[in-house]
Amino acid sequence: MKIRATVIMALRALRRNKLRTVLTMLGIIIGVAAVIAMVAIGNGATSQVESQIAALGQNVVLVFSGSWTNGGVRAGWGNAGTLKIEDAEAIMREIPEAVAVSPEVRTNGQIGAENQNWYTNILGESPDYFSIRNWQFAEGTSFTDPDVRGATKVAVIGQTVVKQLFGDDDPLGQILRVKGVPFEIVGVLMGKGLSVMGSDQDDVVIIPYTSCMKRIMGVTNLRTINIEADKPEDIVPVQAEVTDLLRQRHKIVGDADDFTIHNQQEFTDSATAIYRILTILIVSIAGVSLLVGGIGIMNIMLVSVTERTREIGIRMAVGAHGRDILLQFLMEATSLSSMGGIIGIAFGIGASKLISLFANWPTLVSPLSVVLSFLFSACVGIFFGFYPARKAAALDPIEALRYE
């Protein structure tokens, strides 16, 4: 009952100075709202990056030709020409957990159809590429293994190529000139939009890798080998087995590898790490508002103790103990910060929704950030309100009654 009476008394004291109460809570409101909105923006950006990378395929292991340093020369990924078709075939044959393998070569070039032309990305892949990348077809179908063996002139195109060359016309069965070589369009891919790096994933022509190597590029080496592991837990074993197999095939003993191997999770971690660091930095800056709000509460509570010195003396004279005074002022400070926290939560959630609506920026409100923001705001009230409350409780009743 005493606690209830103390709470009622604390709230009544806050109501006596409504404007001052609202202004005191403002720092807490702004701080909590900023923290929740910033965390929502960071979570939304991270979620979007993860979904974009997931759209590139699941359980993917990528082997790149060359390494950062190869024989003293910084060759870089995909440029050294150390991977062969036989390497990809050996991976498919000797590693059971590798359920799909697609050798890859790529280039850029001019393509045309009828009187239209376009400069785009040209990929040479196997039929497994579409399952590895989880890429569905809007029309038609993929080319086949016999097309790969025969270096057939067939092509699958992305939505951007369809838009630029064919508009509203049906591209299936039409002839596409790839660097002057005629290819028949057998499939149209579903749209994927922009990649994590901001490039247009739909601006692509995909043909059998043998056709690309023989008819377009005139090369015998691969740029990349795309591998899909059977299950997520197979990714690391597959990566290790591929490394051992390629080292054995390339007769590497003790020297640096002439290839580079990564998995999809590593790209996900690298891409999201930047957003996490930025989120932490922004939230830390927003958290300063909470500390400023706490200092404001402490300042106002000290003023309140001075203004109400005579009231404190009267309460002590009629039997109130120091702990009762301490509890009352501590309750006032905690109420200020808690109410500010609740209002700040509402503003933060509302701000994140408005940002998502008007700025077209993905936001994701985290329940954990809401709970932690409220608890932190309450702790701020307790921490910064303790000293003024203790000062009020330590007043001498006689001196307090004499105070004017």
Protein backbone atom coordinates (compact mmCIF):
# COMPACT_ATOMS: atom_id res chain seq x y z
CA MET A 1 0.00 0.00 0.00
CA LYS A 2 2.90 2.35 0.85
CA ILE A 3 4.42 1.76 -2.62
CA ARG A 4 1.10 2.56 -4.27
CA ALA A 5 0.71 5.74 -2.26
CA THR A 6 4.28 6.76 -3.17
CA VAL A 7 3.63 6.21 -6.87
CA ILE A 8 0.42 8.27 -6.72
CA MET A 9 2.23 11.05 -4.90
CA ALA A 10 5.07 11.01 -7.44
CA LEU A 11 2.67 11.22 -10.39
CA ARG A 12 0.73 14.01 -8.71
CA ALA A 13 3.97 15.99 -8.28
CA LEU A 14 4.78 15.53 -11.97
CA ARG A 15 1.31 16.71 -13.00
CA ARG A 16 1.75 19.96 -11.11
CA ASN A 17 4.39 21.05 -13.67
CA LYS A 18 3.15 19.52 -16.91
CA LEU A 19 5.27 21.60 -19.29
CA ARG A 20 8.46 21.00 -17.31
CA THR A 21 7.67 17.29 -17.16
CA VAL A 22 7.19 17.07 -20.93
CA LEU A 23 10.37 19.04 -21.66
CA THR A 24 12.33 16.87 -19.24
CA MET A 25 11.08 13.70 -20.95
CA LEU A 26 11.98 15.08 -24.40
CA GLY A 27 15.60 13.94 -24.25
CA ILE A 28 14.54 10.39 -23.35
CA ILE A 29 11.83 10.41 -26.05
CA ILE A 30 14.25 11.53 -28.76
CA GLY A 31 16.93 9.08 -27.64
CA VAL A 32 14.67 6.02 -27.51
CA ALA A 33 12.94 6.93 -30.80
CA ALA A 34 16.29 7.43 -32.53
CA VAL A 35 17.70 4.13 -31.27
CA ILE A 36 14.63 2.13 -32.37
CA ALA A 37 14.44 3.82 -35.79
CA MET A 38 18.17 3.41 -36.46
CA VAL A 39 18.15 -0.26 -35.43
CA ALA A 40 15.09 -0.81 -37.67
CA ILE A 41 16.86 0.78 -40.63
CA GLY A 42 20.01 -1.26 -40.01
CA ASN A 43 18.06 -4.51 -39.60
CA GLY A 44 16.08 -3.78 -42.75
CA ALA A 45 19.23 -3.14 -44.78
CA THR A 46 20.89 -6.29 -43.43
CA SER A 47 17.79 -8.37 -44.15
CA GLN A 48 17.64 -7.03 -47.70
CA VAL A 49 21.30 -7.86 -48.33
CA GLU A 50 20.84 -11.37 -46.93
CA SER A 51 17.77 -11.97 -49.09
CA GLN A 52 19.59 -10.71 -52.19
CA ILE A 53 22.53 -13.02 -51.53
CA ALA A 54 20.15 -15.92 -50.79
CA ALA A 55 18.54 -15.28 -54.17
CA LEU A 56 21.92 -16.04 -55.75
CA GLY A 57 21.59 -19.61 -54.52
CA GLN A 58 21.76 -21.81 -51.44
CA ASN A 59 24.70 -23.91 -50.23
CA VAL A 60 26.90 -22.46 -52.98
CA VAL A 61 30.67 -22.94 -53.13
CA LEU A 62 32.58 -20.84 -55.67
CA VAL A 63 36.00 -21.71 -57.10
CA PHE A 64 37.79 -18.84 -58.87
CA SER A 65 40.68 -19.20 -61.27
CA GLY A 66 43.89 -17.73 -59.84
CA SER A 67 44.62 -16.44 -56.35
CA TRP A 68 45.58 -13.18 -54.76
CA THR A 69 49.24 -14.06 -55.23
CA ASN A 70 50.29 -16.68 -57.76
CA GLY A 71 54.00 -17.16 -58.37
CA GLY A 72 54.75 -13.66 -57.12
CA VAL A 73 52.14 -12.11 -59.45
CA ARG A 74 48.91 -10.72 -58.03
CA ALA A 75 46.59 -12.42 -60.51
CA GLY A 76 43.28 -11.85 -58.78
CA TRP A 77 40.13 -13.92 -58.99
CA GLY A 78 39.15 -15.37 -62.32
CA ASN A 79 42.03 -13.94 -64.34
CA ALA A 80 44.84 -16.51 -64.20
CA GLY A 81 43.28 -19.22 -66.37
CA THR A 82 44.17 -22.09 -64.03
CA LEU A 83 40.83 -23.91 -64.05
CA LYS A 84 39.91 -26.43 -66.75
CA ILE A 85 36.71 -28.16 -67.80
CA GLU A 86 38.28 -31.39 -66.55
CA ASP A 87 38.51 -29.86 -63.04
CA ALA A 88 34.75 -29.27 -62.98
CA GLU A 89 34.08 -32.78 -64.27
CA ALA A 90 36.36 -34.25 -61.59
CA ILE A 91 34.52 -32.34 -58.84
CA MET A 92 31.17 -33.67 -60.05
CA ARG A 93 32.55 -37.19 -60.37
CA GLU A 94 34.58 -37.49 -57.15
CA ILE A 95 32.70 -35.40 -54.57
CA PRO A 96 29.29 -36.97 -53.80
CA GLU A 97 28.11 -34.01 -51.70
CA ALA A 98 28.44 -31.73 -54.75
CA VAL A 99 24.96 -32.19 -56.25
CA ALA A 100 25.36 -29.63 -59.03
CA VAL A 101 28.38 -28.15 -60.83
CA SER A 102 28.49 -25.41 -63.46
CA PRO A 103 31.75 -24.40 -65.17
CA GLU A 104 31.64 -20.69 -65.97
CA VAL A 105 33.18 -18.28 -68.44
CA ARG A 106 32.00 -14.72 -68.88
CA THR A 107 32.49 -11.71 -71.07
CA ASN A 108 30.71 -8.56 -72.18
CA GLY A 109 29.65 -7.73 -75.69
CA GLN A 110 27.18 -6.44 -78.22
CA ILE A 111 24.03 -8.44 -78.88
CA GLY A 112 21.28 -7.76 -81.39
CA ALA A 113 17.89 -8.92 -82.59
CA GLU A 114 16.18 -7.62 -85.72
CA ASN A 115 17.02 -3.87 -85.77
CA GLN A 116 17.77 -3.52 -82.05
CA ASN A 117 21.11 -3.93 -80.24
CA TRP A 118 22.30 -3.90 -76.65
CA TYR A 119 25.58 -4.23 -74.74
CA THR A 120 25.26 -6.83 -72.01
CA ASN A 121 26.88 -9.55 -69.89
CA ILE A 122 27.42 -12.91 -71.58
CA LEU A 123 27.75 -15.99 -69.38
CA GLY A 124 28.76 -19.48 -70.43
CA GLU A 125 27.25 -22.03 -68.03
CA SER A 126 25.97 -25.58 -67.73
CA PRO A 127 22.26 -26.43 -67.24
CA ASP A 128 22.99 -26.85 -63.49
CA TYR A 129 23.62 -23.11 -63.19
CA PHE A 130 19.92 -22.30 -62.98
CA SER A 131 19.30 -24.72 -60.09
CA ILE A 132 22.48 -23.59 -58.30
CA ARG A 133 21.37 -19.95 -58.53
CA ASN A 134 17.73 -20.82 -57.81
CA TRP A 135 16.71 -18.97 -60.97
CA GLN A 136 13.23 -19.73 -62.25
CA PHE A 137 12.03 -19.44 -65.85
CA ALA A 138 9.30 -17.03 -66.94
CA GLU A 139 9.06 -18.69 -70.36
CA GLY A 140 10.66 -21.60 -72.14
CA THR A 141 13.29 -23.79 -70.55
CA SER A 142 17.01 -24.26 -70.05
CA PHE A 143 19.43 -25.59 -72.59
CA THR A 144 20.48 -29.22 -72.01
CA ASP A 145 23.58 -31.36 -71.51
CA PRO A 146 23.51 -32.41 -75.21
CA ASP A 147 23.55 -28.67 -76.06
CA VAL A 148 26.69 -28.34 -73.93
CA ARG A 149 28.38 -31.36 -75.53
CA GLY A 150 27.54 -30.11 -79.03
CA ALA A 151 28.32 -26.43 -78.32
CA THR A 152 24.83 -25.67 -79.64
CA LYS A 153 23.88 -22.09 -80.46
CA VAL A 154 21.01 -21.68 -77.96
CA ALA A 155 20.54 -18.93 -75.37
CA VAL A 156 18.61 -17.99 -72.24
CA ILE A 157 18.06 -14.28 -71.62
CA GLY A 158 17.19 -12.04 -68.67
CA GLN A 159 14.30 -9.60 -68.37
CA THR A 160 16.39 -6.50 -69.11
CA VAL A 161 17.53 -7.99 -72.41
CA VAL A 162 13.91 -8.84 -73.25
CA LYS A 163 12.85 -5.26 -72.55
CA GLN A 164 15.67 -3.67 -74.54
CA LEU A 165 15.52 -5.89 -77.61
CA PHE A 166 11.97 -7.23 -77.86
CA GLY A 167 9.71 -4.93 -75.84
CA ASP A 168 6.27 -6.57 -75.70
CA ASP A 169 7.09 -9.19 -78.35
CA ASP A 170 7.63 -12.85 -77.44
CA PRO A 171 11.39 -13.58 -77.65
CA LEU A 172 11.10 -17.39 -77.61
CA GLY A 173 12.36 -18.97 -80.82
CA GLN A 174 13.80 -15.71 -82.14
CA ILE A 175 17.39 -15.30 -83.25
CA LEU A 176 19.77 -13.38 -80.99
CA ARG A 177 23.10 -12.27 -82.41
CA VAL A 178 25.79 -12.59 -79.75
CA LYS A 179 28.90 -10.79 -81.01
CA GLY A 180 27.64 -11.55 -84.50
CA VAL A 181 27.00 -15.26 -83.86
CA PRO A 182 23.32 -16.27 -84.20
CA PHE A 183 21.75 -18.04 -81.19
CA GLU A 184 18.18 -19.27 -80.81
CA ILE A 185 16.41 -18.07 -77.65
CA VAL A 186 15.03 -21.10 -75.77
CA GLY A 187 14.24 -19.55 -72.37
CA VAL A 188 13.46 -16.31 -70.54
CA LEU A 189 14.39 -15.94 -66.86
CA MET A 190 12.31 -14.45 -64.07
CA GLY A 191 13.44 -11.00 -62.92
CA LYS A 192 15.84 -10.76 -59.98
CA GLY A 193 16.53 -7.02 -59.86
CA LEU A 194 19.70 -5.45 -58.54
CA SER A 195 22.47 -7.41 -56.87
CA VAL A 196 24.09 -6.51 -53.54
CA MET A 197 26.68 -4.48 -55.45
CA GLY A 198 23.98 -2.61 -57.35
CA SER A 199 24.41 -4.30 -60.75
CA ASP A 200 21.43 -5.44 -62.82
CA GLN A 201 21.21 -9.24 -62.54
CA ASP A 202 18.63 -9.38 -65.35
CA ASP A 203 20.97 -7.77 -67.88
CA VAL A 204 22.42 -11.10 -69.02
CA VAL A 205 22.57 -13.67 -71.79
CA ILE A 206 23.40 -17.23 -70.70
CA ILE A 207 24.60 -19.80 -73.23
CA PRO A 208 26.29 -23.24 -72.95
CA TYR A 209 29.81 -22.76 -71.64
CA THR A 210 31.25 -24.77 -74.53
CA SER A 211 29.49 -22.49 -77.02
CA CYS A 212 30.83 -19.42 -75.25
CA MET A 213 34.38 -20.79 -75.10
CA LYS A 214 34.52 -21.99 -78.73
CA ARG A 215 32.22 -19.62 -80.64
CA ILE A 216 32.45 -16.34 -78.69
CA MET A 217 35.64 -16.10 -76.64
CA GLY A 218 38.04 -18.63 -78.19
CA VAL A 219 39.43 -19.79 -74.83
CA THR A 220 40.07 -23.16 -73.18
CA ASN A 221 40.20 -22.09 -69.52
CA LEU A 222 37.38 -21.46 -67.06
CA ARG A 223 36.88 -18.33 -65.00
CA THR A 224 34.82 -19.91 -62.21
CA ILE A 225 33.31 -23.21 -61.11
CA ASN A 226 29.92 -22.93 -59.36
CA ILE A 227 29.16 -25.78 -56.95
CA GLU A 228 26.02 -26.56 -54.95
CA ALA A 229 26.44 -28.63 -51.79
CA ASP A 230 23.69 -31.06 -50.87
CA LYS A 231 22.98 -29.56 -47.42
CA PRO A 232 24.16 -26.49 -45.48
CA GLU A 233 26.31 -28.67 -43.22
CA ASP A 234 28.07 -30.02 -46.32
CA ILE A 235 29.40 -26.61 -47.41
CA VAL A 236 32.60 -26.67 -45.34
CA PRO A 237 33.41 -30.36 -46.12
CA VAL A 238 32.78 -29.74 -49.84
CA GLN A 239 35.04 -26.69 -49.73
CA ALA A 240 37.81 -28.73 -48.10
CA GLU A 241 37.38 -31.67 -50.50
CA VAL A 242 37.43 -29.38 -53.56
CA THR A 243 40.60 -27.73 -52.27
CA ASP A 244 42.34 -31.09 -51.80
CA LEU A 245 41.15 -32.37 -55.19
CA LEU A 246 42.30 -29.30 -57.12
CA ARG A 247 45.66 -29.20 -55.33
CA GLN A 248 46.15 -32.83 -56.31
CA ARG A 249 45.08 -32.26 -59.94
CA HIS A 250 47.23 -29.13 -60.27
CA LYS A 251 50.20 -30.89 -58.62
CA ILE A 252 50.53 -28.24 -55.91
CA VAL A 253 52.87 -29.28 -53.10
CA GLY A 254 53.59 -26.71 -50.41
CA ASP A 255 53.15 -23.72 -52.73
CA ALA A 256 50.28 -21.24 -52.78
CA ASP A 257 47.09 -22.45 -54.46
CA ASP A 258 46.49 -21.33 -58.03
CA PHE A 259 42.77 -20.98 -57.31
CA THR A 260 40.58 -19.22 -54.75
CA ILE A 261 37.61 -20.88 -53.10
CA HIS A 262 34.81 -19.27 -51.09
CA ASN A 263 31.29 -20.13 -50.03
CA GLN A 264 28.11 -18.12 -50.11
CA GLN A 265 28.04 -17.61 -46.34
CA GLU A 266 31.38 -15.79 -46.46
CA PHE A 267 29.96 -13.29 -48.95
CA THR A 268 26.86 -12.89 -46.76
CA ASP A 269 28.97 -12.23 -43.66
CA SER A 270 31.18 -9.72 -45.47
CA ALA A 271 28.22 -7.83 -46.95
CA THR A 272 26.23 -7.65 -43.71
CA ALA A 273 29.22 -6.83 -41.48
CA ILE A 274 29.41 -3.31 -42.93
CA TYR A 275 25.74 -2.65 -42.16
CA ARG A 276 26.12 -4.02 -38.64
CA ILE A 277 29.08 -1.72 -37.94
CA LEU A 278 27.20 1.30 -39.29
CA THR A 279 24.12 0.37 -37.22
CA ILE A 280 26.20 0.10 -34.04
CA LEU A 281 27.86 3.45 -34.77
CA ILE A 282 24.57 5.24 -35.44
CA VAL A 283 22.86 3.66 -32.42
CA SER A 284 25.79 4.72 -30.23
CA ILE A 285 25.37 8.30 -31.41
CA ALA A 286 21.62 8.11 -30.80
CA GLY A 287 22.32 6.66 -27.35
CA VAL A 288 24.04 9.92 -26.41
CA SER A 289 20.55 11.51 -26.46
CA LEU A 290 19.54 9.11 -23.70
CA LEU A 291 22.47 10.21 -21.56
CA VAL A 292 21.64 13.86 -22.24
CA GLY A 293 18.05 13.12 -21.26
CA GLY A 294 19.27 11.48 -18.05
CA ILE A 295 21.33 14.54 -17.18
CA GLY A 296 18.23 16.66 -17.82
CA ILE A 297 16.24 14.50 -15.39
CA MET A 298 18.95 14.86 -12.77
CA ASN A 299 19.03 18.63 -13.21
CA ILE A 300 15.24 19.01 -12.92
CA MET A 301 15.07 16.69 -9.91
CA LEU A 302 17.74 18.76 -8.12
CA VAL A 303 15.69 21.89 -8.85
CA SER A 304 12.59 20.08 -7.60
CA VAL A 305 14.32 19.14 -4.33
CA THR A 306 15.26 22.79 -3.78
CA GLU A 307 11.74 24.02 -4.60
CA ARG A 308 10.07 21.47 -2.34
CA THR A 309 12.42 21.64 0.65
CA ARG A 310 9.66 22.94 2.94
CA GLU A 311 7.26 20.22 1.71
CA ILE A 312 9.91 17.59 2.51
CA GLY A 313 10.33 19.05 6.00
CA ILE A 314 6.56 18.91 6.66
CA ARG A 315 6.39 15.26 5.52
CA MET A 316 9.28 14.33 7.80
CA ALA A 317 7.68 16.24 10.67
CA VAL A 318 4.48 14.18 10.43
CA GLY A 319 6.33 10.88 10.43
CA ALA A 320 7.81 10.23 6.98
CA HIS A 321 11.20 8.50 7.04
CA GLY A 322 14.17 9.30 4.88
CA ARG A 323 13.61 6.15 2.84
CA ASP A 324 10.05 7.33 2.05
CA ILE A 325 11.39 10.63 0.69
CA LEU A 326 14.10 8.75 -1.22
CA LEU A 327 11.52 6.41 -2.75
CA GLN A 328 9.21 9.26 -3.74
CA PHE A 329 11.85 11.25 -5.61
CA LEU A 330 13.35 8.12 -7.11
CA MET A 331 9.85 7.15 -8.30
CA GLU A 332 9.40 10.58 -9.89
CA ALA A 333 12.67 10.25 -11.82
CA THR A 334 11.88 6.68 -12.90
CA SER A 335 8.36 7.70 -13.97
CA LEU A 336 9.79 10.52 -16.09
CA SER A 337 12.23 8.22 -17.89
CA SER A 338 9.76 5.31 -18.22
CA MET A 339 7.00 7.47 -19.69
CA GLY A 340 9.56 9.06 -22.00
CA GLY A 341 10.67 5.57 -23.00
CA ILE A 342 7.12 4.45 -23.84
CA ILE A 343 6.43 7.58 -25.89
CA GLY A 344 9.85 7.22 -27.57
CA ILE A 345 9.05 3.61 -28.52
CA ALA A 346 5.82 4.74 -30.19
CA PHE A 347 7.66 7.53 -32.05
CA GLY A 348 10.50 5.20 -33.06
CA ILE A 349 8.17 2.56 -34.50
CA GLY A 350 6.15 5.25 -36.26
CA ALA A 351 9.29 6.87 -37.68
CA SER A 352 10.54 3.55 -39.05
CA LYS A 353 7.19 2.93 -40.75
CA LEU A 354 7.22 6.42 -42.28
CA ILE A 355 10.79 5.96 -43.53
CA SER A 356 9.78 2.66 -45.14
CA LEU A 357 6.67 4.23 -46.68
CA PHE A 358 8.02 7.51 -48.03
CA ALA A 359 11.73 6.80 -48.56
CA ASN A 360 11.12 3.27 -49.89
CA TRP A 361 13.82 2.07 -47.49
CA PRO A 362 13.36 -1.37 -45.88
CA THR A 363 12.98 -1.25 -42.10
CA LEU A 364 12.61 -4.06 -39.59
CA VAL A 365 11.68 -3.19 -35.99
CA SER A 366 13.42 -5.53 -33.57
CA PRO A 367 11.43 -6.52 -30.44
CA LEU A 368 14.76 -6.83 -28.63
CA SER A 369 15.67 -3.22 -29.44
CA VAL A 370 12.27 -2.08 -28.11
CA VAL A 371 12.70 -3.97 -24.81
CA LEU A 372 16.31 -2.90 -24.34
CA SER A 373 15.51 0.74 -25.13
CA PHE A 374 12.74 0.79 -22.53
CA LEU A 375 14.89 -0.93 -19.89
CA PHE A 376 17.77 1.43 -20.59
CA SER A 377 15.52 4.48 -20.31
CA ALA A 378 14.20 3.21 -16.95
CA CYS A 379 17.76 2.58 -15.73
CA VAL A 380 18.71 6.12 -16.81
CA GLY A 381 15.93 7.46 -14.56
CA ILE A 382 17.09 5.36 -11.62
CA PHE A 383 20.75 6.23 -12.11
CA PHE A 384 20.35 9.97 -12.61
CA GLY A 385 17.50 10.27 -10.12
CA PHE A 386 19.28 8.57 -7.24
CA TYR A 387 21.51 11.49 -6.26
CA PRO A 388 18.67 14.09 -6.07
CA ALA A 389 16.50 11.57 -4.19
CA ARG A 390 19.30 10.83 -1.74
CA LYS A 391 19.89 14.54 -1.27
CA ALA A 392 16.18 15.05 -0.49
CA ALA A 393 16.16 12.13 1.97
CA ALA A 394 19.23 13.53 3.78
CA LEU A 395 17.61 16.90 4.55
CA ASP A 396 17.34 17.84 8.19
CA PRO A 397 13.61 18.22 9.05
CA ILE A 398 14.14 21.33 11.23
CA GLU A 399 16.25 23.07 8.59
CA ALA A 400 13.77 22.06 5.92
CA LEU A 401 10.84 23.60 7.85
CA ARG A 402 12.79 26.86 8.25
CA TYR A 403 13.58 26.99 4.49
CA GLU A 404 11.98 29.90 2.58
